[in-house]
């Protein structure tokens, strides 16, 4: 299996997604756009495209952020989807998937930074790739926005602060607004690169010391099980 990551900033690291790929000895390649590494021109050689988060949003221009080309990334996402690859987006990545498929991203009702529960919908509970999540699962968050929905999208999970936490766009394409990949190491990087001085003003924003003391292991394991199931489904259909 060949896993390709698009990474927008060094502090938006792939965390538990990368750990899963390494634990399975999958081939891993990267487009670290913050280091001016190129995006893929040909997706035929990959199996999974995983698009990470970032402080940008889908309407950020190259004038505002020279290393981030939203339109070009959407083209790569569309190519991967059309080629029958697995495509997973996290936070900004999920919004770019929605945009590539015609669903416009929106601002989330609440800012969420921390570890808070998501609730699975009926579709989520019935979905074979998510049935191990249970009714409610505590996961990581670090966002202000949320992905757009398409006509065929299934809403898998929501939270009190955000109505679109996990979206299944198809059998192989998924948007995670939540950050199930977070580890304490990744959280430390995010804290260093965000302003949390007004955390107390928000219902769903944890203080830095709280963020660093959360246990992220369970959600990482749930994510790994999802990825195992998704890999199995992909292989059985290729």
C-alpha atoms as a PDB file:
ATOM      1  CA  UNK A   1       0.000   0.000   0.000  1.00  0.00           C
ATOM      2  CA  UNK A   2       1.215   3.480  -0.890  1.00  0.00           C
ATOM      3  CA  UNK A   3       0.047   6.307   1.371  1.00  0.00           C
ATOM      4  CA  UNK A   4       0.573   9.897   0.219  1.00  0.00           C
ATOM      5  CA  UNK A   5       0.193  12.845   2.591  1.00  0.00           C
ATOM      6  CA  UNK A   6      -0.391  16.494   1.720  1.00  0.00           C
ATOM      7  CA  UNK A   7       0.896  18.461   4.709  1.00  0.00           C
ATOM      8  CA  UNK A   8       0.304  22.204   4.865  1.00  0.00           C
ATOM      9  CA  UNK A   9       2.356  23.153   7.938  1.00  0.00           C
ATOM     10  CA  UNK A  10       4.941  21.311  10.034  1.00  0.00           C
ATOM     11  CA  UNK A  11       2.767  21.730  13.133  1.00  0.00           C
ATOM     12  CA  UNK A  12      -0.257  20.117  11.440  1.00  0.00           C
ATOM     13  CA  UNK A  13       1.526  16.780  11.553  1.00  0.00           C
ATOM     14  CA  UNK A  14      -0.069  13.483  10.474  1.00  0.00           C
ATOM     15  CA  UNK A  15       0.346  11.938  13.918  1.00  0.00           C
ATOM     16  CA  UNK A  16      -1.628   8.713  14.292  1.00  0.00           C
ATOM     17  CA  UNK A  17      -2.276   8.467  10.521  1.00  0.00           C
ATOM     18  CA  UNK A  18       1.452   8.313   9.878  1.00  0.00           C
ATOM     19  CA  UNK A  19       1.974   5.933  12.819  1.00  0.00           C
ATOM     20  CA  UNK A  20      -0.626   3.571  11.317  1.00  0.00           C
ATOM     21  CA  UNK A  21       1.049   3.627   7.906  1.00  0.00           C
ATOM     22  CA  UNK A  22       4.478   2.962   9.429  1.00  0.00           C
ATOM     23  CA  UNK A  23       3.170   0.137  11.632  1.00  0.00           C
ATOM     24  CA  UNK A  24       1.918  -1.634   8.504  1.00  0.00           C
ATOM     25  CA  UNK A  25       5.159  -1.026   6.588  1.00  0.00           C
ATOM     26  CA  UNK A  26       3.266   0.866   3.910  1.00  0.00           C
ATOM     27  CA  UNK A  27       5.166   3.039   1.465  1.00  0.00           C
ATOM     28  CA  UNK A  28       4.789   6.679   2.546  1.00  0.00           C
ATOM     29  CA  UNK A  29       5.373   9.786   0.461  1.00  0.00           C
ATOM     30  CA  UNK A  30       4.690  13.422   1.171  1.00  0.00           C
ATOM     31  CA  UNK A  31       3.847  16.746  -0.394  1.00  0.00           C
ATOM     32  CA  UNK A  32       5.051  19.085   2.350  1.00  0.00           C
ATOM     33  CA  UNK A  33       3.813  22.206   0.650  1.00  0.00           C
ATOM     34  CA  UNK A  34       5.216  24.454   3.395  1.00  0.00           C
ATOM     35  CA  UNK A  35       8.640  23.280   2.186  1.00  0.00           C
ATOM     36  CA  UNK A  36       7.611  23.849  -1.450  1.00  0.00           C
ATOM     37  CA  UNK A  37       7.444  20.113  -2.187  1.00  0.00           C
ATOM     38  CA  UNK A  38       5.278  19.538  -5.259  1.00  0.00           C
ATOM     39  CA  UNK A  39       1.771  18.145  -5.300  1.00  0.00           C
ATOM     40  CA  UNK A  40       1.181  14.917  -7.175  1.00  0.00           C
ATOM     41  CA  UNK A  41       0.752  15.118 -10.934  1.00  0.00           C
ATOM     42  CA  UNK A  42      -0.134  11.446 -11.251  1.00  0.00           C
ATOM     43  CA  UNK A  43      -2.184   9.600  -8.614  1.00  0.00           C
ATOM     44  CA  UNK A  44      -2.019   6.157 -10.226  1.00  0.00           C
ATOM     45  CA  UNK A  45       0.821   4.997  -8.020  1.00  0.00           C
ATOM     46  CA  UNK A  46      -0.889   5.700  -4.698  1.00  0.00           C
ATOM     47  CA  UNK A  47      -3.624   3.939  -2.751  1.00  0.00           C
ATOM     48  CA  UNK A  48      -4.472   6.462  -0.019  1.00  0.00           C
ATOM     49  CA  UNK A  49      -4.390  10.245  -0.329  1.00  0.00           C
ATOM     50  CA  UNK A  50      -4.524  11.880   3.101  1.00  0.00           C
ATOM     51  CA  UNK A  51      -4.885  15.670   3.157  1.00  0.00           C
ATOM     52  CA  UNK A  52      -4.008  17.252   6.481  1.00  0.00           C
ATOM     53  CA  UNK A  53      -5.222  20.402   8.202  1.00  0.00           C
ATOM     54  CA  UNK A  54      -3.842  23.909   8.389  1.00  0.00           C
ATOM     55  CA  UNK A  55      -4.641  27.467   9.439  1.00  0.00           C
ATOM     56  CA  UNK A  56      -5.755  28.243   5.881  1.00  0.00           C
ATOM     57  CA  UNK A  57      -9.265  27.738   4.529  1.00  0.00           C
ATOM     58  CA  UNK A  58     -10.451  26.767   1.041  1.00  0.00           C
ATOM     59  CA  UNK A  59     -10.729  30.399  -0.071  1.00  0.00           C
ATOM     60  CA  UNK A  60      -7.215  31.379   1.061  1.00  0.00           C
ATOM     61  CA  UNK A  61      -5.421  32.714  -2.011  1.00  0.00           C
ATOM     62  CA  UNK A  62      -1.839  32.119  -3.094  1.00  0.00           C
ATOM     63  CA  UNK A  63      -1.290  35.840  -2.499  1.00  0.00           C
ATOM     64  CA  UNK A  64      -2.258  35.344   1.131  1.00  0.00           C
ATOM     65  CA  UNK A  65      -0.302  32.083   1.472  1.00  0.00           C
ATOM     66  CA  UNK A  66       2.111  31.399  -1.406  1.00  0.00           C
ATOM     67  CA  UNK A  67       2.674  27.732  -0.534  1.00  0.00           C
ATOM     68  CA  UNK A  68      -1.031  26.852  -0.431  1.00  0.00           C
ATOM     69  CA  UNK A  69      -2.903  26.446  -3.715  1.00  0.00           C
ATOM     70  CA  UNK A  70      -6.452  25.410  -2.865  1.00  0.00           C
ATOM     71  CA  UNK A  71      -7.576  24.963  -6.459  1.00  0.00           C
ATOM     72  CA  UNK A  72      -4.602  22.802  -7.359  1.00  0.00           C
ATOM     73  CA  UNK A  73      -5.134  20.639  -4.274  1.00  0.00           C
ATOM     74  CA  UNK A  74      -8.780  20.188  -5.197  1.00  0.00           C
ATOM     75  CA  UNK A  75      -7.661  19.027  -8.640  1.00  0.00           C
ATOM     76  CA  UNK A  76      -5.415  16.379  -7.048  1.00  0.00           C
ATOM     77  CA  UNK A  77      -8.268  15.314  -4.751  1.00  0.00           C
ATOM     78  CA  UNK A  78     -10.636  15.021  -7.716  1.00  0.00           C
ATOM     79  CA  UNK A  79      -8.097  12.960  -9.672  1.00  0.00           C
ATOM     80  CA  UNK A  80      -7.691  10.573  -6.733  1.00  0.00           C
ATOM     81  CA  UNK A  81     -11.449  10.226  -6.275  1.00  0.00           C
ATOM     82  CA  UNK A  82     -11.992   9.621 -10.003  1.00  0.00           C
ATOM     83  CA  UNK A  83      -9.226   7.004  -9.976  1.00  0.00           C
ATOM     84  CA  UNK A  84     -10.930   5.067  -7.176  1.00  0.00           C
ATOM     85  CA  UNK A  85      -8.356   5.827  -4.519  1.00  0.00           C
ATOM     86  CA  UNK A  86      -9.037   6.242  -0.817  1.00  0.00           C
ATOM     87  CA  UNK A  87      -9.178   9.957   0.016  1.00  0.00           C
ATOM     88  CA  UNK A  88      -9.242  11.188   3.615  1.00  0.00           C
ATOM     89  CA  UNK A  89      -9.257  14.831   4.636  1.00  0.00           C
ATOM     90  CA  UNK A  90      -8.650  16.190   8.110  1.00  0.00           C
ATOM     91  CA  UNK A  91      -9.947  19.644   9.073  1.00  0.00           C
ATOM     92  CA  UNK A  92      -8.830  21.862   6.140  1.00  0.00           C
ATOM     93  CA  UNK A  93      -8.402  18.649   4.146  1.00  0.00           C
ATOM     94  CA  UNK A  94     -12.029  17.687   4.765  1.00  0.00           C
ATOM     95  CA  UNK A  95     -13.166  21.113   3.603  1.00  0.00           C
ATOM     96  CA  UNK A  96     -11.088  20.799   0.419  1.00  0.00           C
ATOM     97  CA  UNK A  97     -12.711  17.427  -0.324  1.00  0.00           C
ATOM     98  CA  UNK A  98     -16.159  18.946   0.108  1.00  0.00           C
ATOM     99  CA  UNK A  99     -15.244  21.841  -2.181  1.00  0.00           C
ATOM    100  CA  UNK A 100     -13.798  19.477  -4.818  1.00  0.00           C
ATOM    101  CA  UNK A 101     -17.127  17.614  -4.825  1.00  0.00           C
ATOM    102  CA  UNK A 102     -19.255  20.763  -4.930  1.00  0.00           C
ATOM    103  CA  UNK A 103     -20.040  21.194  -1.226  1.00  0.00           C
ATOM    104  CA  UNK A 104     -19.152  24.648   0.086  1.00  0.00           C
ATOM    105  CA  UNK A 105     -17.360  24.834   3.409  1.00  0.00           C
ATOM    106  CA  UNK A 106     -18.866  26.925   6.198  1.00  0.00           C
ATOM    107  CA  UNK A 107     -17.862  28.410   9.514  1.00  0.00           C
ATOM    108  CA  UNK A 108     -18.596  26.133  12.437  1.00  0.00           C
ATOM    109  CA  UNK A 109     -21.083  27.462  15.012  1.00  0.00           C
ATOM    110  CA  UNK A 110     -18.389  27.097  17.693  1.00  0.00           C
ATOM    111  CA  UNK A 111     -14.629  27.159  17.836  1.00  0.00           C
ATOM    112  CA  UNK A 112     -13.394  23.833  19.193  1.00  0.00           C
ATOM    113  CA  UNK A 113      -9.893  23.167  20.502  1.00  0.00           C
ATOM    114  CA  UNK A 114      -9.427  20.266  22.868  1.00  0.00           C
ATOM    115  CA  UNK A 115     -10.914  16.864  23.478  1.00  0.00           C
ATOM    116  CA  UNK A 116     -14.703  16.708  23.359  1.00  0.00           C
ATOM    117  CA  UNK A 117     -17.276  14.037  22.496  1.00  0.00           C
ATOM    118  CA  UNK A 118     -18.703  13.395  19.069  1.00  0.00           C
ATOM    119  CA  UNK A 119     -22.027  11.594  18.678  1.00  0.00           C
ATOM    120  CA  UNK A 120     -22.656   9.154  15.879  1.00  0.00           C
ATOM    121  CA  UNK A 121     -25.749   9.535  13.727  1.00  0.00           C
ATOM    122  CA  UNK A 122     -27.951   6.601  12.761  1.00  0.00           C
ATOM    123  CA  UNK A 123     -25.970   6.385   9.516  1.00  0.00           C
ATOM    124  CA  UNK A 124     -22.741   6.399  11.513  1.00  0.00           C
ATOM    125  CA  UNK A 125     -23.891   3.651  13.858  1.00  0.00           C
ATOM    126  CA  UNK A 126     -24.924   1.514  10.887  1.00  0.00           C
ATOM    127  CA  UNK A 127     -21.743   2.132   8.899  1.00  0.00           C
ATOM    128  CA  UNK A 128     -19.407  -0.892   8.980  1.00  0.00           C
ATOM    129  CA  UNK A 129     -16.281   1.271   9.094  1.00  0.00           C
ATOM    130  CA  UNK A 130     -17.484   3.217  12.141  1.00  0.00           C
ATOM    131  CA  UNK A 131     -19.527   0.729  14.157  1.00  0.00           C
ATOM    132  CA  UNK A 132     -16.636   0.272  16.625  1.00  0.00           C
ATOM    133  CA  UNK A 133     -16.832   3.953  17.610  1.00  0.00           C
ATOM    134  CA  UNK A 134     -19.916   3.385  19.762  1.00  0.00           C
ATOM    135  CA  UNK A 135     -22.626   5.999  20.287  1.00  0.00           C
ATOM    136  CA  UNK A 136     -20.265   8.641  21.674  1.00  0.00           C
ATOM    137  CA  UNK A 137     -16.491   8.978  21.399  1.00  0.00           C
ATOM    138  CA  UNK A 138     -14.154  11.621  22.799  1.00  0.00           C
ATOM    139  CA  UNK A 139     -11.849  12.932  20.086  1.00  0.00           C
ATOM    140  CA  UNK A 140      -9.499  15.824  19.402  1.00  0.00           C
ATOM    141  CA  UNK A 141     -10.560  19.144  17.883  1.00  0.00           C
ATOM    142  CA  UNK A 142      -8.751  22.210  16.550  1.00  0.00           C
ATOM    143  CA  UNK A 143     -10.951  24.196  14.199  1.00  0.00           C
ATOM    144  CA  UNK A 144     -13.215  27.115  13.324  1.00  0.00           C
ATOM    145  CA  UNK A 145     -14.773  25.788  10.107  1.00  0.00           C
ATOM    146  CA  UNK A 146     -16.481  22.642   8.806  1.00  0.00           C
ATOM    147  CA  UNK A 147     -16.775  20.791   5.484  1.00  0.00           C
ATOM    148  CA  UNK A 148     -19.593  21.263   3.032  1.00  0.00           C
ATOM    149  CA  UNK A 149     -22.090  18.518   2.287  1.00  0.00           C
ATOM    150  CA  UNK A 150     -22.969  17.026  -1.077  1.00  0.00           C
ATOM    151  CA  UNK A 151     -26.231  15.420  -2.176  1.00  0.00           C
ATOM    152  CA  UNK A 152     -24.895  11.908  -1.596  1.00  0.00           C
ATOM    153  CA  UNK A 153     -22.888  12.598   1.559  1.00  0.00           C
ATOM    154  CA  UNK A 154     -23.644  10.714   4.754  1.00  0.00           C
ATOM    155  CA  UNK A 155     -23.197  12.540   8.036  1.00  0.00           C
ATOM    156  CA  UNK A 156     -21.428  10.077  10.323  1.00  0.00           C
ATOM    157  CA  UNK A 157     -20.902  12.148  13.477  1.00  0.00           C
ATOM    158  CA  UNK A 158     -21.489  15.568  14.999  1.00  0.00           C
ATOM    159  CA  UNK A 159     -20.598  17.375  18.217  1.00  0.00           C
ATOM    160  CA  UNK A 160     -22.361  19.912  20.389  1.00  0.00           C
ATOM    161  CA  UNK A 161     -20.210  22.650  18.892  1.00  0.00           C
ATOM    162  CA  UNK A 162     -20.119  21.495  15.259  1.00  0.00           C
ATOM    163  CA  UNK A 163     -22.836  19.704  13.248  1.00  0.00           C
ATOM    164  CA  UNK A 164     -20.362  18.122  10.764  1.00  0.00           C
ATOM    165  CA  UNK A 165     -17.573  16.195  12.409  1.00  0.00           C
ATOM    166  CA  UNK A 166     -17.242  13.152  10.141  1.00  0.00           C
ATOM    167  CA  UNK A 167     -18.660  12.952   6.627  1.00  0.00           C
ATOM    168  CA  UNK A 168     -18.675   9.929   4.301  1.00  0.00           C
ATOM    169  CA  UNK A 169     -18.717  11.335   0.771  1.00  0.00           C
ATOM    170  CA  UNK A 170     -18.567   7.829  -0.728  1.00  0.00           C
ATOM    171  CA  UNK A 171     -17.353   4.356   0.200  1.00  0.00           C
ATOM    172  CA  UNK A 172     -13.733   5.504  -0.156  1.00  0.00           C
ATOM    173  CA  UNK A 173     -13.854   9.251   0.564  1.00  0.00           C
ATOM    174  CA  UNK A 174     -14.105  10.660   4.086  1.00  0.00           C
ATOM    175  CA  UNK A 175     -13.855  14.060   5.734  1.00  0.00           C
ATOM    176  CA  UNK A 176     -12.847  14.324   9.383  1.00  0.00           C
ATOM    177  CA  UNK A 177     -13.345  17.778  10.827  1.00  0.00           C
ATOM    178  CA  UNK A 178     -12.169  16.309  14.123  1.00  0.00           C
ATOM    179  CA  UNK A 179      -8.523  15.466  14.764  1.00  0.00           C
ATOM    180  CA  UNK A 180      -8.314  11.821  15.762  1.00  0.00           C
ATOM    181  CA  UNK A 181      -4.637  11.853  14.779  1.00  0.00           C
ATOM    182  CA  UNK A 182      -3.571  14.116  17.641  1.00  0.00           C
ATOM    183  CA  UNK A 183      -0.855  12.950  19.997  1.00  0.00           C
ATOM    184  CA  UNK A 184       0.712  14.896  22.840  1.00  0.00           C
ATOM    185  CA  UNK A 185       3.671  15.664  20.578  1.00  0.00           C
ATOM    186  CA  UNK A 186       1.439  17.078  17.831  1.00  0.00           C
ATOM    187  CA  UNK A 187      -0.620  19.023  20.385  1.00  0.00           C
ATOM    188  CA  UNK A 188       2.566  20.624  21.735  1.00  0.00           C
ATOM    189  CA  UNK A 189       3.426  21.824  18.213  1.00  0.00           C
ATOM    190  CA  UNK A 190      -0.078  23.225  17.716  1.00  0.00           C
ATOM    191  CA  UNK A 191       0.022  25.082  21.026  1.00  0.00           C
ATOM    192  CA  UNK A 192       3.311  26.709  20.032  1.00  0.00           C
ATOM    193  CA  UNK A 193       1.727  27.973  16.819  1.00  0.00           C
ATOM    194  CA  UNK A 194      -1.668  29.207  18.013  1.00  0.00           C
ATOM    195  CA  UNK A 195      -2.874  31.954  20.323  1.00  0.00           C
ATOM    196  CA  UNK A 196      -4.826  30.398  23.188  1.00  0.00           C
ATOM    197  CA  UNK A 197      -4.636  33.417  25.475  1.00  0.00           C
ATOM    198  CA  UNK A 198      -8.422  33.851  25.323  1.00  0.00           C
ATOM    199  CA  UNK A 199      -9.308  30.171  25.670  1.00  0.00           C
ATOM    200  CA  UNK A 200     -11.544  30.854  28.672  1.00  0.00           C
ATOM    201  CA  UNK A 201     -13.918  32.897  26.502  1.00  0.00           C
ATOM    202  CA  UNK A 202     -14.947  29.831  24.503  1.00  0.00           C
ATOM    203  CA  UNK A 203     -17.137  26.933  25.606  1.00  0.00           C
ATOM    204  CA  UNK A 204     -15.112  24.361  23.711  1.00  0.00           C
ATOM    205  CA  UNK A 205     -11.506  25.561  23.944  1.00  0.00           C
ATOM    206  CA  UNK A 206      -9.212  23.926  26.485  1.00  0.00           C
ATOM    207  CA  UNK A 207      -6.340  25.677  28.230  1.00  0.00           C
ATOM    208  CA  UNK A 208      -2.845  24.571  27.108  1.00  0.00           C
ATOM    209  CA  UNK A 209      -2.111  22.606  30.279  1.00  0.00           C
ATOM    210  CA  UNK A 210      -5.379  20.693  29.848  1.00  0.00           C
ATOM    211  CA  UNK A 211      -4.602  19.995  26.195  1.00  0.00           C
ATOM    212  CA  UNK A 212      -1.232  18.505  27.094  1.00  0.00           C
ATOM    213  CA  UNK A 213      -2.694  16.230  29.750  1.00  0.00           C
ATOM    214  CA  UNK A 214      -5.434  14.590  27.710  1.00  0.00           C
ATOM    215  CA  UNK A 215      -5.118  10.898  26.909  1.00  0.00           C
ATOM    216  CA  UNK A 216      -5.270  10.567  23.124  1.00  0.00           C
ATOM    217  CA  UNK A 217      -4.523   6.821  22.951  1.00  0.00           C
ATOM    218  CA  UNK A 218      -8.099   5.529  22.730  1.00  0.00           C
ATOM    219  CA  UNK A 219      -9.100   7.741  19.826  1.00  0.00           C
ATOM    220  CA  UNK A 220      -5.825   6.891  18.046  1.00  0.00           C
ATOM    221  CA  UNK A 221      -6.661   3.198  18.364  1.00  0.00           C
ATOM    222  CA  UNK A 222     -10.221   3.766  17.102  1.00  0.00           C
ATOM    223  CA  UNK A 223      -8.759   5.634  14.130  1.00  0.00           C
ATOM    224  CA  UNK A 224      -6.327   2.793  13.425  1.00  0.00           C
ATOM    225  CA  UNK A 225      -9.172   0.277  13.456  1.00  0.00           C
ATOM    226  CA  UNK A 226     -11.122   2.449  11.008  1.00  0.00           C
ATOM    227  CA  UNK A 227      -8.073   2.594   8.732  1.00  0.00           C
ATOM    228  CA  UNK A 228      -7.605  -1.182   8.957  1.00  0.00           C
ATOM    229  CA  UNK A 229     -11.224  -1.725   7.918  1.00  0.00           C
ATOM    230  CA  UNK A 230     -10.938   0.830   5.127  1.00  0.00           C
ATOM    231  CA  UNK A 231      -7.757  -0.801   3.814  1.00  0.00           C
ATOM    232  CA  UNK A 232      -9.517  -4.172   3.813  1.00  0.00           C
ATOM    233  CA  UNK A 233     -12.484  -2.766   1.916  1.00  0.00           C
ATOM    234  CA  UNK A 234     -10.203  -1.038  -0.604  1.00  0.00           C
ATOM    235  CA  UNK A 235      -8.182  -4.192  -1.244  1.00  0.00           C
ATOM    236  CA  UNK A 236     -11.300  -6.315  -1.659  1.00  0.00           C
ATOM    237  CA  UNK A 237     -12.539  -3.966  -4.371  1.00  0.00           C
ATOM    238  CA  UNK A 238      -9.264  -3.628  -6.299  1.00  0.00           C
END
